[in-house]
Protein backbone atom coordinates (compact mmCIF):
# COMPACT_ATOMS: atom_id res chain seq x y z
CA ASP A 1 0.00 0.00 0.00
CA THR A 2 1.47 3.35 -1.02
CA SER A 3 -0.06 5.13 1.98
CA GLY A 4 1.75 2.95 4.52
CA THR A 5 1.84 -0.39 6.31
CA PHE A 6 -1.24 -1.75 8.08
CA VAL A 7 -0.78 -4.28 10.91
CA GLN A 8 -3.59 -6.15 12.68
CA LEU A 9 -2.94 -8.32 15.75
CA ARG A 10 -5.42 -10.59 17.51
CA LEU A 11 -4.29 -11.98 20.87
CA SER A 12 -5.98 -14.46 23.19
CA LEU A 13 -4.95 -13.97 26.80
CA ALA A 14 -5.23 -16.55 29.56
CA GLN A 15 -4.61 -16.38 33.28
CA THR A 16 -1.99 -18.81 34.56
CA ALA A 17 -1.02 -20.26 37.93
CA CYS A 18 2.46 -18.65 37.79
CA ARG A 19 3.39 -15.77 40.04
CA LYS A 20 4.51 -12.42 38.64
CA ARG A 21 7.59 -12.18 40.82
CA ALA A 22 8.91 -15.67 40.03
CA PRO A 23 8.21 -16.29 36.33
CA GLN A 24 8.50 -19.84 35.05
CA ARG A 25 8.70 -21.31 31.59
CA HIS A 26 5.75 -23.68 31.74
CA CYS A 27 2.70 -22.38 33.56
CA ARG A 28 -0.63 -24.11 33.99
CA VAL A 29 -3.55 -22.21 32.46
CA LEU A 30 -6.44 -21.67 34.86
CA GLU A 31 -9.46 -22.99 32.98
CA SER A 32 -12.24 -21.28 34.91
CA ARG A 33 -10.82 -17.74 34.56
CA ARG A 34 -11.45 -14.90 32.13
CA LYS A 35 -9.92 -15.24 28.68
CA PRO A 36 -10.08 -11.84 27.01
CA ILE A 37 -9.41 -11.48 23.30
CA CYS A 38 -7.45 -8.38 22.31
CA LEU A 39 -7.43 -6.70 18.92
CA ALA A 40 -4.86 -4.10 17.91
CA CYS A 41 -4.63 -2.28 14.56
CA TYR A 42 -1.84 0.10 13.55
CA LYS A 43 -1.11 2.08 10.39
CA PHE A 44 2.47 3.26 9.80
CA ASP A 45 3.62 5.70 7.13
CA THR A 46 6.30 4.85 4.55
CA SER A 47 9.06 7.19 5.75
CA ASP A 48 12.55 5.99 6.75
CA ILE A 49 11.57 6.31 10.41
CA PRO A 50 7.97 5.03 10.43
CA LYS A 51 5.42 7.04 12.35
CA VAL A 52 2.02 5.81 13.51
CA LEU A 53 -0.68 7.41 11.35
CA ASP A 54 -3.55 5.90 13.33
CA LYS A 55 -4.15 3.09 15.84
CA TYR A 56 -6.90 1.20 17.61
CA HIS A 57 -6.77 -1.40 20.39
CA ASN A 58 -9.39 -3.10 22.49
CA CYS A 59 -9.32 -6.01 24.95
CA GLY A 60 -12.72 -7.40 25.73
CA PRO A 61 -13.92 -10.54 27.47
CA SER A 62 -14.71 -13.45 25.15
CA HIS A 63 -17.83 -14.41 27.11
CA HIS A 64 -19.47 -10.98 26.88
CA LEU A 65 -23.14 -11.01 25.85
CA ALA A 66 -22.61 -8.37 23.16
CA ALA A 67 -19.57 -10.11 21.62
CA LYS A 68 -21.00 -9.82 18.08
CA GLU A 69 -21.51 -6.05 18.44
CA ILE A 70 -18.02 -5.62 19.88
CA ARG A 71 -16.52 -7.64 17.00
CA GLN A 72 -18.39 -5.52 14.43
CA ARG A 73 -17.22 -2.30 16.10
CA ASP A 74 -13.63 -3.59 16.20
CA GLU A 75 -13.75 -4.47 12.50
CA ALA A 76 -15.12 -1.01 11.63
CA GLU A 77 -12.45 0.73 13.73
CA CYS A 78 -9.68 -1.34 12.10
CA ARG A 79 -11.00 -0.53 8.62
CA ALA A 80 -10.84 3.17 9.53
CA VAL A 81 -7.23 2.72 10.73
CA GLU A 82 -6.36 0.90 7.49
CA GLU A 83 -7.71 3.83 5.45
CA ALA A 84 -5.54 6.37 7.33
CA GLY A 85 -3.32 8.42 5.07
CA LYS A 86 -4.93 7.28 1.79
CA GLY A 87 -6.79 10.47 0.88
CA GLY A 88 -4.92 13.64 -0.02
CA ASP A 89 -7.55 15.72 1.76
CA THR A 90 -7.35 13.65 4.97
CA LEU A 91 -4.86 15.76 6.89
CA TYR A 92 -6.46 15.44 10.31
CA LEU A 93 -7.67 12.23 11.92
CA PRO A 94 -9.55 12.17 15.23
CA GLY A 95 -7.13 11.46 18.05
CA MET A 96 -4.06 12.32 15.96
CA PHE A 97 -3.28 15.48 17.92
CA ALA A 98 -3.67 16.42 21.57
CA PHE A 99 -3.66 19.99 22.84
CA SER A 100 -3.32 21.38 26.32
CA ARG A 101 -3.79 24.88 27.58
CA GLY A 102 -0.56 26.49 28.74
CA LEU A 103 -0.09 28.73 31.72
CA PRO A 104 -0.05 32.52 31.11
CA ALA A 105 3.42 33.94 30.55
């Protein structure tokens, strides 16, 4: 894509029996615990030092009642991220800039 590189990651997390302070190689997965599924989408420009044009990430529980609606929203958000930087008139994307009010001089 001439407007940049689009990356989409889907991760399934699981709680284990290992402790944080003493990590081990092989940990038993706790079956009866939450198993959230995370989705992350990033769009990078094509410069020598890539910059993030737009991004979206969401980690939601897999057992949620509105899982279909969440999945549809995630897909729509990722499509919007994928389209970042394609139009010549798209100079500003929501969330691209943050402004804060400075103190008087």
